[in-house]
Protein backbone atom coordinates (compact mmCIF):
# COMPACT_ATOMS: atom_id res chain seq x y z
CA MET A 1 59.67 23.14 -90.45
CA LYS A 2 58.96 22.71 -86.78
CA ARG A 3 59.31 25.77 -84.51
CA LYS A 4 60.61 25.42 -80.94
CA ASN A 5 60.30 28.37 -78.53
CA ILE A 6 62.83 28.48 -75.69
CA SER A 7 61.40 30.03 -72.53
CA SER A 8 63.26 32.21 -70.07
CA GLU A 9 60.22 32.27 -67.77
CA SER A 10 60.20 36.06 -68.05
CA LEU A 11 56.87 37.74 -67.37
CA TRP A 12 57.28 39.47 -70.75
CA GLU A 13 56.76 36.21 -72.62
CA ASP A 14 53.01 36.06 -72.02
CA LYS A 15 52.53 39.83 -72.28
CA VAL A 16 54.28 40.49 -75.60
CA GLY A 17 54.97 37.10 -77.19
CA TYR A 18 58.65 37.12 -76.20
CA SER A 19 60.93 34.06 -76.20
CA ARG A 20 64.56 33.82 -75.03
CA ALA A 21 65.30 31.89 -78.24
CA VAL A 22 63.51 30.31 -81.19
CA ARG A 23 64.70 27.35 -83.22
CA ILE A 24 63.35 26.58 -86.69
CA GLY A 25 65.20 23.77 -88.46
CA ASN A 26 68.93 24.35 -87.94
CA LEU A 27 68.49 28.11 -87.31
CA ILE A 28 68.54 29.42 -83.72
CA GLU A 29 67.70 33.06 -83.04
CA ILE A 30 68.54 34.49 -79.61
CA SER A 31 66.60 37.52 -78.40
CA GLY A 32 68.15 40.67 -77.01
CA THR A 33 69.77 39.80 -73.71
CA THR A 34 70.31 42.00 -70.67
CA ALA A 35 71.99 41.56 -67.30
CA SER A 36 68.74 41.16 -65.39
CA ASP A 37 67.13 38.35 -63.47
CA GLY A 38 63.50 39.12 -62.75
CA ASN A 39 63.50 42.55 -61.13
CA GLU A 40 67.20 42.40 -60.21
CA THR A 41 69.92 44.06 -62.32
CA ILE A 42 73.14 42.04 -62.27
CA GLY A 43 76.54 43.75 -61.90
CA ILE A 44 75.42 47.37 -61.70
CA GLY A 45 78.33 49.50 -62.93
CA GLY A 46 80.44 46.46 -63.81
CA VAL A 47 80.65 45.57 -67.48
CA TYR A 48 82.62 42.36 -66.76
CA ALA A 49 79.96 40.96 -64.41
CA GLN A 50 77.17 41.96 -66.78
CA THR A 51 78.89 40.45 -69.83
CA THR A 52 79.62 37.19 -68.00
CA TYR A 53 76.00 36.94 -66.88
CA ILE A 54 74.68 37.68 -70.39
CA LEU A 55 76.99 35.15 -72.08
CA ASN A 56 75.85 32.49 -69.62
CA LYS A 57 72.20 33.30 -70.44
CA ILE A 58 72.96 32.98 -74.16
CA LYS A 59 74.84 29.70 -73.60
CA SER A 60 71.91 28.27 -71.66
CA ALA A 61 69.41 29.30 -74.36
CA LEU A 62 71.59 27.82 -77.12
CA GLU A 63 71.95 24.53 -75.24
CA SER A 64 68.18 24.41 -74.58
CA ALA A 65 67.66 24.81 -78.34
CA GLY A 66 70.17 22.06 -79.16
CA GLY A 67 73.09 24.35 -80.02
CA ASN A 68 76.32 25.24 -78.25
CA LEU A 69 79.09 27.81 -77.93
CA SER A 70 81.98 26.18 -79.72
CA VAL A 71 85.55 27.48 -79.81
CA ARG A 72 85.58 27.52 -83.59
CA ARG A 73 83.40 30.03 -85.41
CA HIS A 74 80.30 28.35 -86.74
CA PRO A 75 79.84 29.02 -90.47
CA ASN A 76 76.19 29.96 -89.91
CA THR A 77 76.84 32.60 -87.24
CA ASP A 78 75.06 35.71 -88.42
CA ARG A 79 75.93 38.53 -86.03
CA ALA A 80 76.42 39.61 -82.46
CA THR A 81 75.94 43.17 -81.28
CA THR A 82 77.33 44.60 -78.05
CA ASN A 83 76.27 47.94 -76.61
CA ILE A 84 78.29 49.76 -73.94
CA THR A 85 76.26 52.66 -72.61
CA THR A 86 79.07 54.25 -70.59
CA ILE A 87 82.49 53.95 -72.20
CA ASN A 88 84.17 54.63 -68.85
CA ASN A 89 82.85 51.23 -67.69
CA SER A 90 84.49 49.33 -70.55
CA ASN A 91 87.57 48.39 -68.49
CA ASN A 92 85.76 47.74 -65.21
CA LYS A 93 86.12 44.08 -64.19
CA LYS A 94 83.99 44.12 -61.01
């Protein structure tokens, strides 16, 4: 099967062999995603802003790999993990 690497243009890609996403056949794997853009952290202290930014990064990577975020649950969805480092920020929408 053909492998397609999806670039995020992060400087880590060349240093450690990182890709935003990889597609092999009909399988798309998305790498760990953070609320950062280059050296800038997005939405410091605001879980809503960070989550929105991260989901948009994931959406872009999926679309670049030929996938999409559909409303219905895709039967091949494996897992999604969310980490909240400060529980007090879980209701913060700014």
